[in-house]
Structure formats: structure tokens, C-alpha cells
Protein backbone atom coordinates (compact mmCIF):
# COMPACT_ATOMS: atom_id res chain seq x y z
CA MET A 1 110.19 97.25 76.68
CA GLN A 2 110.24 101.02 76.51
CA ARG A 3 112.56 102.74 74.04
CA ILE A 4 116.11 103.33 75.33
CA ASP A 5 117.58 106.63 74.16
CA ASN A 6 121.10 107.93 73.64
CA PHE A 7 121.96 110.31 76.52
CA LYS A 8 124.28 112.60 74.58
CA SER A 9 121.70 113.04 71.81
CA ILE A 10 119.18 114.08 74.46
CA ILE A 11 121.24 116.73 76.23
CA ASP A 12 122.27 118.16 72.87
CA LYS A 13 118.66 119.35 72.52
CA TYR A 14 118.63 121.44 75.72
CA LYS A 15 120.38 124.47 77.18
CA VAL A 16 120.05 123.41 80.83
CA VAL A 17 120.18 120.02 82.54
CA PHE A 18 118.86 119.30 86.03
CA PHE A 19 120.34 116.16 87.60
CA ASP A 20 119.15 114.19 90.58
CA ALA A 21 122.09 113.03 92.71
CA PHE A 22 121.70 109.54 94.17
CA GLY A 23 121.08 106.95 91.47
CA VAL A 24 122.09 109.34 88.70
CA LEU A 25 125.53 110.72 89.58
CA LYS A 26 126.36 108.33 92.39
CA ASN A 27 125.19 105.18 94.13
CA TYR A 28 126.07 103.22 97.26
CA GLU A 29 129.54 102.52 95.79
CA GLY A 30 130.34 106.17 95.03
CA LEU A 31 130.32 108.21 91.82
CA LEU A 32 129.21 106.37 88.68
CA PRO A 33 132.34 105.46 86.70
CA GLY A 34 132.78 107.91 83.84
CA ILE A 35 130.22 110.47 85.04
CA GLU A 36 132.91 113.17 84.91
CA ARG A 37 132.90 112.84 81.10
CA THR A 38 129.28 113.97 81.02
CA PHE A 39 130.11 117.16 82.89
CA ALA A 40 133.21 117.79 80.81
CA TYR A 41 130.97 117.62 77.73
CA LEU A 42 128.42 119.99 79.26
CA GLU A 43 131.20 122.47 80.04
CA GLU A 44 132.60 122.13 76.53
CA GLN A 45 129.17 122.84 75.04
CA GLY A 46 128.52 125.80 77.34
CA LYS A 47 125.40 124.25 78.87
CA GLU A 48 124.13 125.05 82.36
CA TYR A 49 123.62 122.23 84.85
CA TYR A 50 122.36 121.93 88.41
CA ILE A 51 122.07 119.15 90.96
CA VAL A 52 118.46 119.17 92.19
CA THR A 53 118.38 116.90 95.21
CA ASN A 54 116.23 115.94 98.17
CA ASP A 55 119.42 115.42 100.20
CA ALA A 56 119.26 117.75 103.21
CA SER A 57 121.90 115.88 105.20
CA ARG A 58 124.78 118.22 104.31
CA SER A 59 125.27 121.81 103.16
CA PRO A 60 125.89 122.62 99.48
CA VAL A 61 129.56 123.24 100.32
CA GLU A 62 129.90 119.81 101.93
CA LEU A 63 127.99 118.13 99.10
CA ALA A 64 130.25 119.79 96.51
CA GLU A 65 133.33 118.69 98.43
CA SER A 66 132.09 115.09 98.39
CA TYR A 67 131.93 115.24 94.57
CA HIS A 68 135.42 116.75 94.44
CA ARG A 69 136.83 113.96 96.59
CA GLY A 70 135.36 111.45 94.17
CA GLY A 71 137.05 113.14 91.21
CA LEU A 72 134.11 115.20 89.91
CA LYS A 73 135.58 118.70 90.05
CA PHE A 74 132.90 120.49 88.02
CA ILE A 75 130.29 120.69 90.80
CA ASN A 76 130.44 123.82 92.94
CA PRO A 77 128.04 124.80 95.76
CA ASN A 78 126.21 127.28 93.53
CA ARG A 79 125.12 124.41 91.27
CA ILE A 80 123.43 122.48 94.08
CA VAL A 81 119.73 123.01 94.80
CA SER A 82 118.61 121.12 97.87
CA SER A 83 115.24 120.75 99.55
CA GLY A 84 117.05 122.01 102.66
CA MET A 85 117.27 125.43 101.00
CA LEU A 86 113.48 125.62 100.77
CA THR A 87 113.23 124.64 104.43
CA LYS A 88 115.48 127.52 105.40
CA GLU A 89 113.52 129.93 103.19
CA TYR A 90 110.28 128.86 104.91
CA LEU A 91 111.77 129.32 108.39
CA ASP A 92 113.15 132.75 107.48
CA LEU A 93 109.68 133.86 106.38
CA LYS A 94 107.43 132.10 108.87
CA VAL A 95 109.30 131.50 112.13
CA LYS A 96 110.70 134.66 113.66
CA GLU A 97 112.02 133.51 117.04
CA GLY A 98 112.59 130.61 119.38
CA ILE A 99 114.00 127.13 118.83
CA VAL A 100 113.86 124.93 115.76
CA ALA A 101 114.10 121.32 116.91
CA TYR A 102 115.36 118.78 114.39
CA LEU A 103 115.89 115.13 113.68
CA GLY A 104 119.19 114.60 111.87
CA THR A 105 122.90 115.13 112.15
CA ARG A 106 124.60 118.31 113.33
CA ASN A 107 125.73 118.89 109.74
CA SER A 108 122.16 118.75 108.46
CA ALA A 109 121.19 121.55 110.87
CA HIS A 110 123.12 123.94 108.60
CA TYR A 111 119.98 124.36 106.52
CA ILE A 112 117.82 125.58 109.36
CA GLU A 113 120.24 128.04 110.88
CA SER A 114 118.48 131.37 110.52
CA SER A 115 119.01 134.73 112.14
CA GLY A 116 117.15 134.89 115.42
CA LEU A 117 116.55 131.14 115.62
CA LYS A 118 118.33 128.58 117.75
CA THR A 119 118.64 124.99 116.50
CA LEU A 120 118.57 122.01 118.84
CA PRO A 121 118.41 118.27 118.19
CA VAL A 122 115.24 116.65 119.50
CA SER A 123 117.39 114.78 122.02
CA GLU A 124 118.16 118.09 123.81
CA ILE A 125 114.56 119.25 124.11
CA ASN A 126 113.33 119.08 127.69
CA GLU A 127 110.79 120.64 130.06
CA SER A 128 112.92 123.77 130.45
CA ASN A 129 112.95 124.65 126.75
CA ILE A 130 110.00 122.88 125.13
CA ASP A 131 107.81 126.00 125.34
CA LYS A 132 110.36 127.85 123.17
CA VAL A 133 110.23 125.28 120.35
CA ASN A 134 108.43 127.03 117.48
CA ALA A 135 109.16 124.57 114.66
CA LEU A 136 110.36 121.03 114.04
CA ALA A 137 112.35 119.85 111.01
CA PHE A 138 112.95 116.31 109.72
CA LEU A 139 116.40 116.50 108.08
CA ASP A 140 118.25 113.17 108.02
CA ASP A 141 117.82 109.53 109.02
CA GLU A 142 121.05 109.56 111.06
CA GLY A 143 122.22 111.46 114.12
CA PHE A 144 119.57 110.39 116.63
CA ASP A 145 118.31 107.45 118.67
CA TRP A 146 115.55 105.84 116.60
CA SER A 147 113.59 104.62 119.62
CA LYS A 148 114.07 107.32 122.24
CA ASP A 149 114.10 110.36 119.97
CA LEU A 150 111.25 109.27 117.71
CA ASN A 151 109.02 108.81 120.74
CA LYS A 152 110.17 112.20 121.98
CA THR A 153 109.30 113.71 118.60
CA VAL A 154 105.77 112.31 118.73
CA ASN A 155 105.18 113.85 122.14
CA LEU A 156 106.73 117.17 121.16
CA ILE A 157 104.24 117.47 118.28
CA ARG A 158 101.38 116.47 120.59
CA LYS A 159 102.32 119.13 123.14
CA ARG A 160 103.20 122.02 120.81
CA THR A 161 101.11 123.44 117.96
CA ILE A 162 104.01 124.19 115.66
CA PRO A 163 104.84 123.81 111.95
CA VAL A 164 106.56 120.50 111.19
CA ILE A 165 108.76 120.58 108.08
CA VAL A 166 109.98 117.54 106.16
CA ALA A 167 113.11 118.64 104.30
CA ASN A 168 113.61 115.35 102.46
CA THR A 169 110.51 113.60 101.13
CA ASP A 170 112.37 110.41 100.10
CA ARG A 171 110.94 107.45 101.99
CA ALA A 172 113.77 105.03 101.23
CA TYR A 173 117.11 104.91 99.45
CA PRO A 174 119.22 102.05 98.04
CA LEU A 175 121.67 100.62 100.56
CA THR A 176 123.05 97.92 98.28
CA ILE A 177 122.04 96.54 94.90
CA SER A 178 119.28 94.52 96.60
CA ASP A 179 118.48 96.33 99.88
CA VAL A 180 117.05 99.71 100.84
CA SER A 181 117.19 101.79 104.00
CA ILE A 182 114.43 103.94 105.49
CA ALA A 183 114.95 107.63 104.69
CA ILE A 184 113.80 110.56 106.80
CA GLY A 185 110.71 111.02 104.62
CA GLY A 186 109.60 107.52 105.59
CA ILE A 187 110.14 108.28 109.26
CA ALA A 188 108.16 111.52 108.91
CA ALA A 189 105.28 109.69 107.18
CA MET A 190 105.09 107.19 110.04
CA ILE A 191 105.02 109.91 112.72
CA GLU A 192 102.51 111.93 110.71
CA SER A 193 100.13 108.97 110.78
CA VAL A 194 100.66 108.54 114.54
CA VAL A 195 99.97 112.17 115.51
CA GLY A 196 97.23 112.73 112.92
CA LYS A 197 98.65 116.05 111.73
CA GLN A 198 99.74 117.15 108.27
CA PHE A 199 103.38 118.14 107.85
CA ILE A 200 104.88 120.65 105.42
CA ARG A 201 106.98 118.93 102.77
CA PHE A 202 109.77 120.30 100.58
CA GLY A 203 111.50 118.32 97.88
CA LYS A 204 110.70 116.51 94.66
CA PRO A 205 108.05 115.99 93.34
CA ASP A 206 106.89 119.30 94.82
CA SER A 207 106.95 122.05 92.19
CA GLN A 208 108.63 124.48 94.61
CA MET A 209 111.90 122.59 94.18
CA PHE A 210 111.79 123.07 90.43
CA MET A 211 110.71 126.70 90.68
CA PHE A 212 113.62 127.38 93.04
CA ALA A 213 116.05 125.86 90.51
CA TYR A 214 114.31 127.56 87.59
CA ASP A 215 114.68 130.96 89.26
CA LEU A 216 118.40 130.31 89.78
CA VAL A 217 118.85 129.52 86.09
CA ARG A 218 116.90 132.55 84.91
CA ALA A 219 119.02 134.79 87.14
CA GLN A 220 121.98 133.71 84.97
CA ARG A 221 120.43 133.56 81.50
CA PRO A 222 117.04 133.83 79.77
CA VAL A 223 115.62 130.34 79.39
CA SER A 224 112.23 128.70 78.97
CA LYS A 225 111.03 125.44 80.48
CA SER A 226 111.18 123.81 77.06
CA GLU A 227 114.96 124.33 77.10
CA ILE A 228 115.47 122.41 80.37
CA VAL A 229 115.53 118.65 80.91
CA MET A 230 115.33 116.83 84.27
CA VAL A 231 117.39 113.64 84.70
CA GLY A 232 116.36 111.25 87.49
CA ASP A 233 116.18 107.62 88.53
CA THR A 234 112.84 107.63 90.37
CA LEU A 235 109.45 107.95 88.71
CA ASN A 236 107.42 109.30 91.63
CA THR A 237 109.87 112.07 92.60
CA ASP A 238 112.25 113.13 89.80
CA ILE A 239 110.10 112.27 86.81
CA LEU A 240 106.70 113.14 88.28
CA GLY A 241 108.04 116.44 89.63
CA GLY A 242 109.68 117.36 86.33
CA ASN A 243 106.56 116.41 84.36
CA LYS A 244 104.30 118.45 86.65
CA PHE A 245 106.54 121.50 86.32
CA GLY A 246 106.42 121.25 82.54
CA LEU A 247 109.94 119.95 81.90
CA ASP A 248 111.00 117.13 79.61
CA THR A 249 112.38 114.25 81.67
CA VAL A 250 114.95 111.47 81.38
CA LEU A 251 114.58 108.29 83.44
CA VAL A 252 117.95 106.60 83.94
CA LEU A 253 118.18 102.94 84.93
CA SER A 254 121.24 103.33 87.16
CA GLY A 255 119.36 103.77 90.44
CA ASN A 256 115.91 103.07 91.88
CA THR A 257 114.22 101.99 88.64
CA LEU A 258 115.58 98.71 87.27
CA SER A 259 115.44 97.70 83.63
CA LYS A 260 113.64 94.43 84.40
CA ASN A 261 110.82 96.32 86.18
CA LEU A 262 110.54 99.19 83.72
CA ASP A 263 107.32 98.38 81.89
CA THR A 264 105.60 97.25 85.07
CA VAL A 265 106.33 100.38 87.11
CA ILE A 266 105.48 102.79 84.28
CA THR A 267 102.18 101.00 83.71
CA ALA A 268 101.40 100.84 87.43
CA THR A 269 102.19 104.49 88.18
CA GLY A 270 101.11 106.10 84.91
CA ILE A 271 104.22 108.30 85.17
CA VAL A 272 105.85 108.44 81.74
CA PRO A 273 109.28 110.01 81.14
CA THR A 274 110.08 111.76 77.88
CA TYR A 275 113.18 109.59 77.46
CA ILE A 276 114.74 106.49 79.03
CA CYS A 277 118.49 105.84 79.21
CA GLU A 278 120.69 103.22 80.80
CA SER A 279 122.64 105.98 82.56
CA ALA A 280 123.74 109.62 82.36
CA VAL A 281 127.31 108.61 81.52
CA ILE A 282 128.71 109.60 78.13
CA ASP A 283 131.37 107.24 76.76
CA ASN A 284 134.85 108.19 75.56
CA ASP A 285 133.65 108.77 72.02
CA GLY A 286 130.94 111.18 73.20
CA LEU A 287 128.21 108.59 72.68
CA GLY A 288 125.59 107.92 75.36
CA PHE A 289 125.13 104.37 76.54
């Protein structure tokens, strides 16, 4: 068994903490009980913190509101860094006109709304507007007909030579303690193999996500990578991405990686976190679990 560390003693060593969202702050049942104590402590200590997430299903404002409804009042939209932000940045720079088609909910389309561009769900693409589609974005696993619209997506990519952006690279997410659901990254990987084209991906473990967050931090205060720690529940996204970017990393066992599988998955992947903790929750006495 790998060494299990005290979470409070870890964050005491750093000026900035990056948190993944699902599996770290919340799970399928809602916010982790007691997670608000961790953020109260960070505020008390004057430390910076950001939520660095592959969730492109809702805007930062909507994501922050979901935390507030759960009782975590410390998270504001400016502290949320989503892979959807990188998608928008790419579109602003690379796609100057026309339609951006998307798979996802209407709310997820917030990220791809750019000046001069019209957004349309794949379901509304037809012969009258297909020639104006200049990009396609995979945003969320809900909001479309899995059979009809996925087939339509395949044929759109076959007919149009356009950039295809995957805003969330996660292939699956926990649905219950024992079951998972296919995420939009898994859908994109399947379609990519069908059409034989390579898509553009944003999100962890890609270093662009961490650079985006790093730039936000440095706009507020001078900080080096050695003063930042990344907290995540998944080895091949959160921990691998943090490691590659040069950050220390904390693997928490409250999400995708289970304690009983710990040694096996670390050995199999070769991805080694700096620290391992049961969770990111600090107890009432200020001691990590």
C-alpha cells in the first residue's frame, strides 16, 4: 500500500491549490460532506485556489451557482478554469465566421459563443446550412439523440473539412459507487475512430489547461510552479497532467481511484502522485483525514 498523507499538512506547504471537481469536491451524491471546511481554511490562510475541470457542460457562473446551492459559498466564477474556456479561445483565434455545430446541451454552448459565430446543435444542421459549418465541438454527453445525432455527426465530419474540438477529454464518469457513464470524450474517441480523422482536444492531461490556470494565478500574484499543488482523483488526467506541467500532485481516493486498486493502477500506469490522501476534506480540528 502506498503512503497515505495528511491533506492539511500538504496544502500548508503551498501558496496555490488547483482542485479537480468531480471526485474531489463532489460526487454523484453531491458535495463531499465537510469540503467547505477545506475552503474556509484556505481563505483563513490567504491561499489561492482554483477549480481546474474538464466539465464543459455549464458556464463558470452556472458551475459556481451549483456549488453555492450545495453550501460551498467560497467558489466564484473567476476561480473556475474549464476546458470549455480553451475551446472558446481556439474558436476566437482560428474560426472567424460561419456556424459552430455542437453536441451537448444548450447551456454547454455558452463556451463556444464567439463574436461573428453562430452556434447550432448538430440536430439542426441540414442541407441548407451545412456548407456554413466551419467547426464542430463535442461539449456534453446530454442534450442530443445518441443514435440519430451521432450518425449525423459522423456524416458532417465526412462531408466538411473542418476542425473538430473535444472540449471534455473525460471518457467516462462515475454514475454510482459501482457504475460509470460514457462521457463526451468517450463518444468523441469512438467517432474519431470511425471517421479516421484526428480531433483537437482540450482538457486534462493537456498542458494547455494548466498553463491557462497558471497564467490566471500569475496575473494575481507572483508564483512559481513549485508553489502550486494539483489535487485530483484520476491518475491519467489530473495527476498525469499536473506531473507533466511540473506541479506536485495529490491523488485523493474519494473518486475514480479506489483504495483497494491503488497499488495495481499506479504500477500499471506508471503515473505516480507526489502524495496520496483519502480525501481533500479537513476535519473540524484542522486535521486532514
